[in-house]
């Protein structure tokens, strides 16, 4: 039986306090004759080479086969100033990977019959009438709702996490509608902010509480959260932003970690490489409550095109 190897990588490098890097890691090419360990060794060697070129920040990488973790390796410092090495327990903010979690939660609500993918969001969020009454859950989750990437509200992406719902509601009147819903793909952060609030309204339960009860706990993601718990501050990797003069600083990251305004459903989750691996495992096997047909729907292209590459629900999809 052919085994598929999935790589879960968290990178805390030159941007903010989440897990994206300014550098691109090229895929490791290998033949079927290579062993899993040889693939892992090549993968880790590639990351190590990249890190040696720029030693600011850290990388954490997990390799798993099926539901079994076969490698966990970390590179660099979780905190350069304090000289703290990254490790398996290092926590990162994962930025827009948070959208995949929101889409997964949406599919749980579809599975439970609480919402329908093609129901208009305005049914649960009447404030959406300002943007039109036809935009559906399917369209928001696939970035085909026609909404601008960001709202026009000043300070929309700033502010305490407890005020995120108000930031979404105040952002709606300032959000441009760029095209008719379903016409094409256009990445929208505010679209996912609206999606998260609509899910909460439909289920009559706070969004973050739903994520904790329906996703984090069932998948045993014990180091995942939206708000850093007291006593965990020392485990969170410092994010670095390289300014105009080329100097890396953690100030932008610290400001963003204090609050991202409306961006709770689309950019605020903190987690570890191990927890993220558990979530990815849940996309490809019976490791969680979401049934296979709904996982398959997440991984099915929802955007117009040739059907070879596009966007599903919270996931880029490549068909080959």
C-alpha atoms as a PDB file:
ATOM      1  CA  UNK A   1       0.000   0.000   0.000  1.00  0.00           C
ATOM      2  CA  UNK A   2       1.365   3.391  -0.937  1.00  0.00           C
ATOM      3  CA  UNK A   3       1.735   5.715   2.018  1.00  0.00           C
ATOM      4  CA  UNK A   4       1.293   9.452   1.805  1.00  0.00           C
ATOM      5  CA  UNK A   5       3.532  11.689   3.865  1.00  0.00           C
ATOM      6  CA  UNK A   6       2.089  14.972   5.098  1.00  0.00           C
ATOM      7  CA  UNK A   7       4.378  17.720   6.345  1.00  0.00           C
ATOM      8  CA  UNK A   8       3.206  20.158   8.984  1.00  0.00           C
ATOM      9  CA  UNK A   9       5.547  23.116   9.234  1.00  0.00           C
ATOM     10  CA  UNK A  10       5.416  26.066  11.583  1.00  0.00           C
ATOM     11  CA  UNK A  11       7.789  28.870  10.737  1.00  0.00           C
ATOM     12  CA  UNK A  12       8.508  31.808  13.026  1.00  0.00           C
ATOM     13  CA  UNK A  13      10.911  33.858  10.968  1.00  0.00           C
ATOM     14  CA  UNK A  14      10.975  37.390   9.659  1.00  0.00           C
ATOM     15  CA  UNK A  15       7.350  38.457   9.709  1.00  0.00           C
ATOM     16  CA  UNK A  16       4.990  38.588  12.641  1.00  0.00           C
ATOM     17  CA  UNK A  17       4.232  36.460  15.681  1.00  0.00           C
ATOM     18  CA  UNK A  18       2.667  33.746  13.583  1.00  0.00           C
ATOM     19  CA  UNK A  19       4.050  31.105  11.321  1.00  0.00           C
ATOM     20  CA  UNK A  20       4.854  32.466   7.921  1.00  0.00           C
ATOM     21  CA  UNK A  21       8.287  33.119   6.514  1.00  0.00           C
ATOM     22  CA  UNK A  22       9.556  35.631   3.990  1.00  0.00           C
ATOM     23  CA  UNK A  23      11.399  32.726   2.393  1.00  0.00           C
ATOM     24  CA  UNK A  24       9.987  29.976   0.217  1.00  0.00           C
ATOM     25  CA  UNK A  25      10.921  26.380   0.937  1.00  0.00           C
ATOM     26  CA  UNK A  26      11.134  24.430  -2.289  1.00  0.00           C
ATOM     27  CA  UNK A  27       9.469  21.005  -2.216  1.00  0.00           C
ATOM     28  CA  UNK A  28      11.767  18.043  -1.741  1.00  0.00           C
ATOM     29  CA  UNK A  29      11.783  15.799  -4.799  1.00  0.00           C
ATOM     30  CA  UNK A  30      12.039  12.080  -4.155  1.00  0.00           C
ATOM     31  CA  UNK A  31      11.321   8.782  -5.794  1.00  0.00           C
ATOM     32  CA  UNK A  32       9.285   5.890  -4.481  1.00  0.00           C
ATOM     33  CA  UNK A  33      12.533   4.057  -3.761  1.00  0.00           C
ATOM     34  CA  UNK A  34      13.438   6.457  -0.941  1.00  0.00           C
ATOM     35  CA  UNK A  35      12.581   5.492   2.612  1.00  0.00           C
ATOM     36  CA  UNK A  36      10.500   7.734   4.844  1.00  0.00           C
ATOM     37  CA  UNK A  37      13.607   8.538   6.874  1.00  0.00           C
ATOM     38  CA  UNK A  38      15.500   9.604   3.753  1.00  0.00           C
ATOM     39  CA  UNK A  39      12.657  11.937   2.805  1.00  0.00           C
ATOM     40  CA  UNK A  40      12.661  13.384   6.337  1.00  0.00           C
ATOM     41  CA  UNK A  41      16.427  13.863   6.251  1.00  0.00           C
ATOM     42  CA  UNK A  42      16.250  15.721   2.928  1.00  0.00           C
ATOM     43  CA  UNK A  43      13.389  17.878   4.167  1.00  0.00           C
ATOM     44  CA  UNK A  44      15.190  18.809   7.390  1.00  0.00           C
ATOM     45  CA  UNK A  45      18.412  19.480   5.494  1.00  0.00           C
ATOM     46  CA  UNK A  46      16.583  21.901   3.204  1.00  0.00           C
ATOM     47  CA  UNK A  47      15.102  23.810   6.154  1.00  0.00           C
ATOM     48  CA  UNK A  48      18.466  23.857   7.946  1.00  0.00           C
ATOM     49  CA  UNK A  49      20.142  25.320   4.863  1.00  0.00           C
ATOM     50  CA  UNK A  50      17.502  28.024   4.663  1.00  0.00           C
ATOM     51  CA  UNK A  51      17.795  28.842   8.337  1.00  0.00           C
ATOM     52  CA  UNK A  52      21.585  29.171   8.154  1.00  0.00           C
ATOM     53  CA  UNK A  53      21.089  31.928   5.577  1.00  0.00           C
ATOM     54  CA  UNK A  54      18.925  33.912   7.980  1.00  0.00           C
ATOM     55  CA  UNK A  55      19.140  33.038  11.655  1.00  0.00           C
ATOM     56  CA  UNK A  56      16.418  35.393  12.908  1.00  0.00           C
ATOM     57  CA  UNK A  57      13.499  33.558  14.466  1.00  0.00           C
ATOM     58  CA  UNK A  58      12.705  29.863  14.403  1.00  0.00           C
ATOM     59  CA  UNK A  59      11.184  27.003  12.463  1.00  0.00           C
ATOM     60  CA  UNK A  60       9.347  23.977  13.823  1.00  0.00           C
ATOM     61  CA  UNK A  61       8.621  21.045  11.517  1.00  0.00           C
ATOM     62  CA  UNK A  62       6.707  17.808  12.008  1.00  0.00           C
ATOM     63  CA  UNK A  63       6.470  14.859   9.675  1.00  0.00           C
ATOM     64  CA  UNK A  64       3.742  12.308  10.181  1.00  0.00           C
ATOM     65  CA  UNK A  65       2.564   9.211   8.353  1.00  0.00           C
ATOM     66  CA  UNK A  66      -1.101   8.407   8.892  1.00  0.00           C
ATOM     67  CA  UNK A  67      -1.787   9.260  12.518  1.00  0.00           C
ATOM     68  CA  UNK A  68       1.794   8.660  13.643  1.00  0.00           C
ATOM     69  CA  UNK A  69       4.342  11.439  14.142  1.00  0.00           C
ATOM     70  CA  UNK A  70       7.685  10.186  12.853  1.00  0.00           C
ATOM     71  CA  UNK A  71       9.777  13.333  13.183  1.00  0.00           C
ATOM     72  CA  UNK A  72       9.722  16.637  15.083  1.00  0.00           C
ATOM     73  CA  UNK A  73      12.612  19.021  14.589  1.00  0.00           C
ATOM     74  CA  UNK A  74      13.092  22.669  15.511  1.00  0.00           C
ATOM     75  CA  UNK A  75      15.536  25.231  14.197  1.00  0.00           C
ATOM     76  CA  UNK A  76      16.664  28.540  15.669  1.00  0.00           C
ATOM     77  CA  UNK A  77      15.543  30.737  18.538  1.00  0.00           C
ATOM     78  CA  UNK A  78      12.014  31.243  19.777  1.00  0.00           C
ATOM     79  CA  UNK A  79      13.338  34.452  21.335  1.00  0.00           C
ATOM     80  CA  UNK A  80      16.566  35.921  19.963  1.00  0.00           C
ATOM     81  CA  UNK A  81      16.958  38.531  22.686  1.00  0.00           C
ATOM     82  CA  UNK A  82      16.654  36.013  25.524  1.00  0.00           C
ATOM     83  CA  UNK A  83      18.507  33.269  23.683  1.00  0.00           C
ATOM     84  CA  UNK A  84      15.615  30.784  24.051  1.00  0.00           C
ATOM     85  CA  UNK A  85      15.785  27.881  21.625  1.00  0.00           C
ATOM     86  CA  UNK A  86      12.641  26.740  19.833  1.00  0.00           C
ATOM     87  CA  UNK A  87      11.340  23.348  20.894  1.00  0.00           C
ATOM     88  CA  UNK A  88       8.420  21.015  20.490  1.00  0.00           C
ATOM     89  CA  UNK A  89       6.397  23.021  23.026  1.00  0.00           C
ATOM     90  CA  UNK A  90       7.000  26.371  21.315  1.00  0.00           C
ATOM     91  CA  UNK A  91       3.741  28.168  20.509  1.00  0.00           C
ATOM     92  CA  UNK A  92       3.280  30.199  17.319  1.00  0.00           C
ATOM     93  CA  UNK A  93       0.484  32.333  15.941  1.00  0.00           C
ATOM     94  CA  UNK A  94      -0.467  30.645  12.691  1.00  0.00           C
ATOM     95  CA  UNK A  95      -2.038  33.602  10.918  1.00  0.00           C
ATOM     96  CA  UNK A  96      -4.251  32.746   7.969  1.00  0.00           C
ATOM     97  CA  UNK A  97      -4.079  29.011   8.635  1.00  0.00           C
ATOM     98  CA  UNK A  98      -6.764  29.991  11.161  1.00  0.00           C
ATOM     99  CA  UNK A  99      -9.132  30.200   8.174  1.00  0.00           C
ATOM    100  CA  UNK A 100      -8.834  26.447   7.692  1.00  0.00           C
ATOM    101  CA  UNK A 101     -10.036  25.948  11.261  1.00  0.00           C
ATOM    102  CA  UNK A 102     -12.996  28.250  10.650  1.00  0.00           C
ATOM    103  CA  UNK A 103     -13.888  26.301   7.505  1.00  0.00           C
ATOM    104  CA  UNK A 104     -13.615  23.022   9.436  1.00  0.00           C
ATOM    105  CA  UNK A 105     -15.966  24.400  12.102  1.00  0.00           C
ATOM    106  CA  UNK A 106     -18.370  25.480   9.345  1.00  0.00           C
ATOM    107  CA  UNK A 107     -18.425  21.937   7.957  1.00  0.00           C
ATOM    108  CA  UNK A 108     -19.185  20.559  11.417  1.00  0.00           C
ATOM    109  CA  UNK A 109     -22.236  22.846  11.539  1.00  0.00           C
ATOM    110  CA  UNK A 110     -23.248  21.694   8.048  1.00  0.00           C
ATOM    111  CA  UNK A 111     -22.847  18.063   9.140  1.00  0.00           C
ATOM    112  CA  UNK A 112     -25.009  18.718  12.220  1.00  0.00           C
ATOM    113  CA  UNK A 113     -27.736  20.343  10.112  1.00  0.00           C
ATOM    114  CA  UNK A 114     -27.362  23.740  11.775  1.00  0.00           C
ATOM    115  CA  UNK A 115     -26.604  25.562   8.515  1.00  0.00           C
ATOM    116  CA  UNK A 116     -26.674  24.785   4.809  1.00  0.00           C
ATOM    117  CA  UNK A 117     -23.718  25.614   2.583  1.00  0.00           C
ATOM    118  CA  UNK A 118     -25.922  27.429   0.107  1.00  0.00           C
ATOM    119  CA  UNK A 119     -28.004  29.308   2.643  1.00  0.00           C
ATOM    120  CA  UNK A 120     -27.642  33.094   2.457  1.00  0.00           C
ATOM    121  CA  UNK A 121     -25.553  34.374   5.351  1.00  0.00           C
ATOM    122  CA  UNK A 122     -28.018  37.228   5.856  1.00  0.00           C
ATOM    123  CA  UNK A 123     -30.443  34.677   7.306  1.00  0.00           C
ATOM    124  CA  UNK A 124     -28.310  34.608  10.452  1.00  0.00           C
ATOM    125  CA  UNK A 125     -26.534  37.941  10.113  1.00  0.00           C
ATOM    126  CA  UNK A 126     -29.100  40.518   8.939  1.00  0.00           C
ATOM    127  CA  UNK A 127     -26.429  43.225   9.016  1.00  0.00           C
ATOM    128  CA  UNK A 128     -25.172  41.644   5.777  1.00  0.00           C
ATOM    129  CA  UNK A 129     -28.089  43.212   3.877  1.00  0.00           C
ATOM    130  CA  UNK A 130     -25.807  46.182   3.309  1.00  0.00           C
ATOM    131  CA  UNK A 131     -23.604  43.949   1.126  1.00  0.00           C
ATOM    132  CA  UNK A 132     -26.427  42.079  -0.581  1.00  0.00           C
ATOM    133  CA  UNK A 133     -28.720  39.270   0.452  1.00  0.00           C
ATOM    134  CA  UNK A 134     -27.396  36.515  -1.795  1.00  0.00           C
ATOM    135  CA  UNK A 135     -23.906  35.784  -0.407  1.00  0.00           C
ATOM    136  CA  UNK A 136     -23.808  32.224   0.933  1.00  0.00           C
ATOM    137  CA  UNK A 137     -21.675  30.331   3.435  1.00  0.00           C
ATOM    138  CA  UNK A 138     -20.143  28.424   0.515  1.00  0.00           C
ATOM    139  CA  UNK A 139     -19.066  31.659  -1.133  1.00  0.00           C
ATOM    140  CA  UNK A 140     -17.567  33.242   1.977  1.00  0.00           C
ATOM    141  CA  UNK A 141     -15.623  30.072   2.781  1.00  0.00           C
ATOM    142  CA  UNK A 142     -14.283  29.797  -0.786  1.00  0.00           C
ATOM    143  CA  UNK A 143     -13.459  33.500  -1.250  1.00  0.00           C
ATOM    144  CA  UNK A 144     -16.035  33.828  -4.017  1.00  0.00           C
ATOM    145  CA  UNK A 145     -18.409  36.159  -2.171  1.00  0.00           C
ATOM    146  CA  UNK A 146     -17.252  39.205  -4.114  1.00  0.00           C
ATOM    147  CA  UNK A 147     -16.008  41.086  -1.045  1.00  0.00           C
ATOM    148  CA  UNK A 148     -12.885  43.236  -0.883  1.00  0.00           C
ATOM    149  CA  UNK A 149      -9.822  41.825   0.844  1.00  0.00           C
ATOM    150  CA  UNK A 150     -10.055  44.296   3.738  1.00  0.00           C
ATOM    151  CA  UNK A 151     -12.748  46.653   5.007  1.00  0.00           C
ATOM    152  CA  UNK A 152     -12.352  50.410   4.826  1.00  0.00           C
ATOM    153  CA  UNK A 153     -12.780  50.850   8.593  1.00  0.00           C
ATOM    154  CA  UNK A 154      -9.818  52.582  10.189  1.00  0.00           C
ATOM    155  CA  UNK A 155      -8.230  50.346  12.825  1.00  0.00           C
ATOM    156  CA  UNK A 156     -10.295  47.322  11.812  1.00  0.00           C
ATOM    157  CA  UNK A 157      -7.340  44.979  12.352  1.00  0.00           C
ATOM    158  CA  UNK A 158      -6.401  46.433  15.746  1.00  0.00           C
ATOM    159  CA  UNK A 159      -7.960  46.210  19.159  1.00  0.00           C
ATOM    160  CA  UNK A 160      -8.652  43.686  21.916  1.00  0.00           C
ATOM    161  CA  UNK A 161      -9.914  40.237  21.091  1.00  0.00           C
ATOM    162  CA  UNK A 162     -13.032  40.743  23.199  1.00  0.00           C
ATOM    163  CA  UNK A 163     -14.237  43.430  20.781  1.00  0.00           C
ATOM    164  CA  UNK A 164     -13.788  41.444  17.567  1.00  0.00           C
ATOM    165  CA  UNK A 165     -17.506  40.993  16.856  1.00  0.00           C
ATOM    166  CA  UNK A 166     -18.136  44.740  17.052  1.00  0.00           C
ATOM    167  CA  UNK A 167     -15.182  45.282  14.720  1.00  0.00           C
ATOM    168  CA  UNK A 168     -16.770  42.920  12.191  1.00  0.00           C
ATOM    169  CA  UNK A 169     -20.151  44.645  12.434  1.00  0.00           C
ATOM    170  CA  UNK A 170     -18.579  48.090  12.105  1.00  0.00           C
ATOM    171  CA  UNK A 171     -16.515  46.852   9.145  1.00  0.00           C
ATOM    172  CA  UNK A 172     -19.487  45.616   7.117  1.00  0.00           C
ATOM    173  CA  UNK A 173     -20.700  49.081   6.009  1.00  0.00           C
ATOM    174  CA  UNK A 174     -17.149  49.960   4.908  1.00  0.00           C
ATOM    175  CA  UNK A 175     -16.545  46.800   2.854  1.00  0.00           C
ATOM    176  CA  UNK A 176     -16.667  47.075  -0.923  1.00  0.00           C
ATOM    177  CA  UNK A 177     -18.474  44.516  -3.070  1.00  0.00           C
ATOM    178  CA  UNK A 178     -16.136  43.920  -6.001  1.00  0.00           C
ATOM    179  CA  UNK A 179     -18.197  41.536  -8.153  1.00  0.00           C
ATOM    180  CA  UNK A 180     -21.292  39.338  -8.145  1.00  0.00           C
ATOM    181  CA  UNK A 181     -21.151  36.438  -5.652  1.00  0.00           C
ATOM    182  CA  UNK A 182     -19.800  33.255  -7.185  1.00  0.00           C
ATOM    183  CA  UNK A 183     -18.309  34.929 -10.255  1.00  0.00           C
ATOM    184  CA  UNK A 184     -14.658  34.429  -9.365  1.00  0.00           C
ATOM    185  CA  UNK A 185     -12.081  33.937  -6.606  1.00  0.00           C
ATOM    186  CA  UNK A 186     -10.844  36.945  -4.667  1.00  0.00           C
ATOM    187  CA  UNK A 187      -9.168  36.497  -1.284  1.00  0.00           C
ATOM    188  CA  UNK A 188     -11.096  38.259   1.461  1.00  0.00           C
ATOM    189  CA  UNK A 189      -9.989  38.518   5.076  1.00  0.00           C
ATOM    190  CA  UNK A 190     -13.126  40.404   6.048  1.00  0.00           C
ATOM    191  CA  UNK A 191     -15.163  37.663   4.345  1.00  0.00           C
ATOM    192  CA  UNK A 192     -13.811  35.146   6.829  1.00  0.00           C
ATOM    193  CA  UNK A 193     -14.401  37.553   9.709  1.00  0.00           C
ATOM    194  CA  UNK A 194     -18.048  37.777   8.642  1.00  0.00           C
ATOM    195  CA  UNK A 195     -18.170  33.978   8.209  1.00  0.00           C
ATOM    196  CA  UNK A 196     -17.014  33.391  11.783  1.00  0.00           C
ATOM    197  CA  UNK A 197     -19.600  35.745  13.222  1.00  0.00           C
ATOM    198  CA  UNK A 198     -22.368  34.226  11.091  1.00  0.00           C
ATOM    199  CA  UNK A 199     -21.455  30.724  12.342  1.00  0.00           C
ATOM    200  CA  UNK A 200     -21.700  31.979  15.901  1.00  0.00           C
ATOM    201  CA  UNK A 201     -25.104  33.541  15.267  1.00  0.00           C
ATOM    202  CA  UNK A 202     -26.398  30.360  13.607  1.00  0.00           C
ATOM    203  CA  UNK A 203     -25.258  28.103  16.450  1.00  0.00           C
ATOM    204  CA  UNK A 204     -26.195  30.568  19.213  1.00  0.00           C
ATOM    205  CA  UNK A 205     -22.768  30.100  20.763  1.00  0.00           C
ATOM    206  CA  UNK A 206     -19.631  32.284  20.949  1.00  0.00           C
ATOM    207  CA  UNK A 207     -17.249  31.543  18.095  1.00  0.00           C
ATOM    208  CA  UNK A 208     -14.134  30.920  20.191  1.00  0.00           C
ATOM    209  CA  UNK A 209     -16.075  28.703  22.578  1.00  0.00           C
ATOM    210  CA  UNK A 210     -17.360  26.652  19.644  1.00  0.00           C
ATOM    211  CA  UNK A 211     -13.837  26.203  18.333  1.00  0.00           C
ATOM    212  CA  UNK A 212     -12.607  25.076  21.726  1.00  0.00           C
ATOM    213  CA  UNK A 213     -15.464  22.611  22.285  1.00  0.00           C
ATOM    214  CA  UNK A 214     -15.859  21.282  18.737  1.00  0.00           C
ATOM    215  CA  UNK A 215     -12.307  21.311  17.362  1.00  0.00           C
ATOM    216  CA  UNK A 216      -9.516  21.817  19.893  1.00  0.00           C
ATOM    217  CA  UNK A 217     -10.793  19.489  22.612  1.00  0.00           C
ATOM    218  CA  UNK A 218     -11.977  16.602  20.394  1.00  0.00           C
ATOM    219  CA  UNK A 219      -8.650  16.624  18.535  1.00  0.00           C
ATOM    220  CA  UNK A 220      -6.691  16.828  21.821  1.00  0.00           C
ATOM    221  CA  UNK A 221      -5.130  20.124  20.766  1.00  0.00           C
ATOM    222  CA  UNK A 222      -4.203  21.066  24.312  1.00  0.00           C
ATOM    223  CA  UNK A 223      -1.778  23.828  23.321  1.00  0.00           C
ATOM    224  CA  UNK A 224      -4.125  25.750  21.003  1.00  0.00           C
ATOM    225  CA  UNK A 225      -6.039  28.907  21.859  1.00  0.00           C
ATOM    226  CA  UNK A 226      -7.038  32.407  20.783  1.00  0.00           C
ATOM    227  CA  UNK A 227      -5.868  34.152  23.941  1.00  0.00           C
ATOM    228  CA  UNK A 228      -2.489  33.281  25.453  1.00  0.00           C
ATOM    229  CA  UNK A 229      -3.213  31.733  28.891  1.00  0.00           C
ATOM    230  CA  UNK A 230      -1.535  33.127  31.975  1.00  0.00           C
ATOM    231  CA  UNK A 231       1.811  31.438  32.467  1.00  0.00           C
ATOM    232  CA  UNK A 232       2.208  30.505  28.796  1.00  0.00           C
ATOM    233  CA  UNK A 233       3.830  33.763  27.690  1.00  0.00           C
ATOM    234  CA  UNK A 234       7.333  32.289  27.831  1.00  0.00           C
ATOM    235  CA  UNK A 235       6.392  29.515  25.395  1.00  0.00           C
ATOM    236  CA  UNK A 236       5.211  31.863  22.639  1.00  0.00           C
ATOM    237  CA  UNK A 237       7.735  32.473  19.872  1.00  0.00           C
ATOM    238  CA  UNK A 238       8.670  36.076  19.236  1.00  0.00           C
ATOM    239  CA  UNK A 239       7.836  37.186  15.719  1.00  0.00           C
ATOM    240  CA  UNK A 240      10.197  39.441  13.817  1.00  0.00           C
ATOM    241  CA  UNK A 241       9.615  42.028  11.136  1.00  0.00           C
ATOM    242  CA  UNK A 242      12.488  43.371   9.079  1.00  0.00           C
ATOM    243  CA  UNK A 243      12.126  47.108   8.683  1.00  0.00           C
ATOM    244  CA  UNK A 244      13.165  49.433   5.875  1.00  0.00           C
ATOM    245  CA  UNK A 245      16.760  49.530   7.141  1.00  0.00           C
ATOM    246  CA  UNK A 246      16.960  45.747   7.271  1.00  0.00           C
ATOM    247  CA  UNK A 247      16.947  45.459  11.060  1.00  0.00           C
ATOM    248  CA  UNK A 248      14.772  42.714  12.534  1.00  0.00           C
ATOM    249  CA  UNK A 249      12.451  43.853  15.315  1.00  0.00           C
ATOM    250  CA  UNK A 250       9.769  42.209  17.423  1.00  0.00           C
ATOM    251  CA  UNK A 251       7.770  45.408  17.994  1.00  0.00           C
ATOM    252  CA  UNK A 252       5.283  44.872  15.186  1.00  0.00           C
ATOM    253  CA  UNK A 253       4.673  41.341  16.419  1.00  0.00           C
ATOM    254  CA  UNK A 254       4.119  42.451  20.010  1.00  0.00           C
ATOM    255  CA  UNK A 255       1.584  45.027  18.880  1.00  0.00           C
ATOM    256  CA  UNK A 256      -0.268  42.496  16.757  1.00  0.00           C
ATOM    257  CA  UNK A 257      -0.286  39.899  19.511  1.00  0.00           C
ATOM    258  CA  UNK A 258      -2.040  42.424  21.744  1.00  0.00           C
ATOM    259  CA  UNK A 259      -5.087  42.289  19.464  1.00  0.00           C
ATOM    260  CA  UNK A 260      -6.022  41.850  15.795  1.00  0.00           C
ATOM    261  CA  UNK A 261      -9.407  43.532  15.773  1.00  0.00           C
ATOM    262  CA  UNK A 262     -11.924  41.740  13.539  1.00  0.00           C
ATOM    263  CA  UNK A 263      -9.425  39.054  12.497  1.00  0.00           C
ATOM    264  CA  UNK A 264     -10.262  36.390  15.096  1.00  0.00           C
ATOM    265  CA  UNK A 265     -11.826  33.892  12.633  1.00  0.00           C
ATOM    266  CA  UNK A 266      -9.125  34.399  10.045  1.00  0.00           C
ATOM    267  CA  UNK A 267      -5.781  34.993  11.715  1.00  0.00           C
ATOM    268  CA  UNK A 268      -5.420  34.692  15.490  1.00  0.00           C
ATOM    269  CA  UNK A 269      -4.992  31.041  16.532  1.00  0.00           C
ATOM    270  CA  UNK A 270      -1.917  30.140  18.591  1.00  0.00           C
ATOM    271  CA  UNK A 271      -0.718  26.548  18.436  1.00  0.00           C
ATOM    272  CA  UNK A 272       2.273  24.212  18.376  1.00  0.00           C
ATOM    273  CA  UNK A 273       3.629  22.080  15.554  1.00  0.00           C
ATOM    274  CA  UNK A 274       2.276  18.990  17.288  1.00  0.00           C
ATOM    275  CA  UNK A 275      -1.239  20.383  17.647  1.00  0.00           C
ATOM    276  CA  UNK A 276      -1.246  21.601  14.064  1.00  0.00           C
ATOM    277  CA  UNK A 277      -0.214  18.119  12.956  1.00  0.00           C
ATOM    278  CA  UNK A 278      -3.230  16.686  14.791  1.00  0.00           C
ATOM    279  CA  UNK A 279      -5.484  19.071  12.911  1.00  0.00           C
ATOM    280  CA  UNK A 280      -3.951  18.142   9.553  1.00  0.00           C
ATOM    281  CA  UNK A 281      -4.332  14.444  10.426  1.00  0.00           C
ATOM    282  CA  UNK A 282      -8.027  15.135  10.939  1.00  0.00           C
ATOM    283  CA  UNK A 283      -8.280  16.331   7.326  1.00  0.00           C
ATOM    284  CA  UNK A 284      -7.126  13.021   5.918  1.00  0.00           C
ATOM    285  CA  UNK A 285      -8.358  10.285   8.225  1.00  0.00           C
ATOM    286  CA  UNK A 286     -10.897   9.365  10.851  1.00  0.00           C
ATOM    287  CA  UNK A 287      -9.180  11.438  13.498  1.00  0.00           C
ATOM    288  CA  UNK A 288     -11.970  13.686  14.627  1.00  0.00           C
ATOM    289  CA  UNK A 289     -15.733  14.118  14.383  1.00  0.00           C
ATOM    290  CA  UNK A 290     -16.020  15.418  10.825  1.00  0.00           C
ATOM    291  CA  UNK A 291     -17.177  12.657   8.477  1.00  0.00           C
ATOM    292  CA  UNK A 292     -15.231  11.800   5.346  1.00  0.00           C
ATOM    293  CA  UNK A 293     -17.745  13.248   2.870  1.00  0.00           C
ATOM    294  CA  UNK A 294     -17.497  16.656   4.537  1.00  0.00           C
ATOM    295  CA  UNK A 295     -13.710  16.537   4.665  1.00  0.00           C
ATOM    296  CA  UNK A 296     -13.773  15.714   0.964  1.00  0.00           C
ATOM    297  CA  UNK A 297     -15.975  18.742   0.330  1.00  0.00           C
ATOM    298  CA  UNK A 298     -13.401  20.962   2.067  1.00  0.00           C
ATOM    299  CA  UNK A 299     -10.774  19.620  -0.309  1.00  0.00           C
ATOM    300  CA  UNK A 300     -12.902  20.015  -3.446  1.00  0.00           C
ATOM    301  CA  UNK A 301     -12.280  23.061  -5.642  1.00  0.00           C
ATOM    302  CA  UNK A 302     -15.118  25.560  -5.232  1.00  0.00           C
ATOM    303  CA  UNK A 303     -13.721  28.317  -7.434  1.00  0.00           C
ATOM    304  CA  UNK A 304     -14.213  28.866 -11.182  1.00  0.00           C
ATOM    305  CA  UNK A 305     -11.358  27.632 -13.369  1.00  0.00           C
ATOM    306  CA  UNK A 306     -10.003  24.580 -15.141  1.00  0.00           C
ATOM    307  CA  UNK A 307     -10.527  22.293 -12.152  1.00  0.00           C
ATOM    308  CA  UNK A 308      -6.795  21.637 -11.700  1.00  0.00           C
ATOM    309  CA  UNK A 309      -5.986  24.312  -9.147  1.00  0.00           C
ATOM    310  CA  UNK A 310      -8.246  26.417  -6.987  1.00  0.00           C
ATOM    311  CA  UNK A 311      -9.632  26.942  -3.502  1.00  0.00           C
ATOM    312  CA  UNK A 312     -11.856  24.648  -1.473  1.00  0.00           C
ATOM    313  CA  UNK A 313     -12.992  25.648   2.009  1.00  0.00           C
ATOM    314  CA  UNK A 314     -10.021  27.109   3.853  1.00  0.00           C
ATOM    315  CA  UNK A 315      -7.623  25.148   1.651  1.00  0.00           C
ATOM    316  CA  UNK A 316      -5.767  25.677  -1.596  1.00  0.00           C
ATOM    317  CA  UNK A 317      -6.386  22.603  -3.761  1.00  0.00           C
ATOM    318  CA  UNK A 318      -4.119  21.163  -6.461  1.00  0.00           C
ATOM    319  CA  UNK A 319      -5.425  18.214  -8.502  1.00  0.00           C
ATOM    320  CA  UNK A 320      -2.942  15.930 -10.236  1.00  0.00           C
END
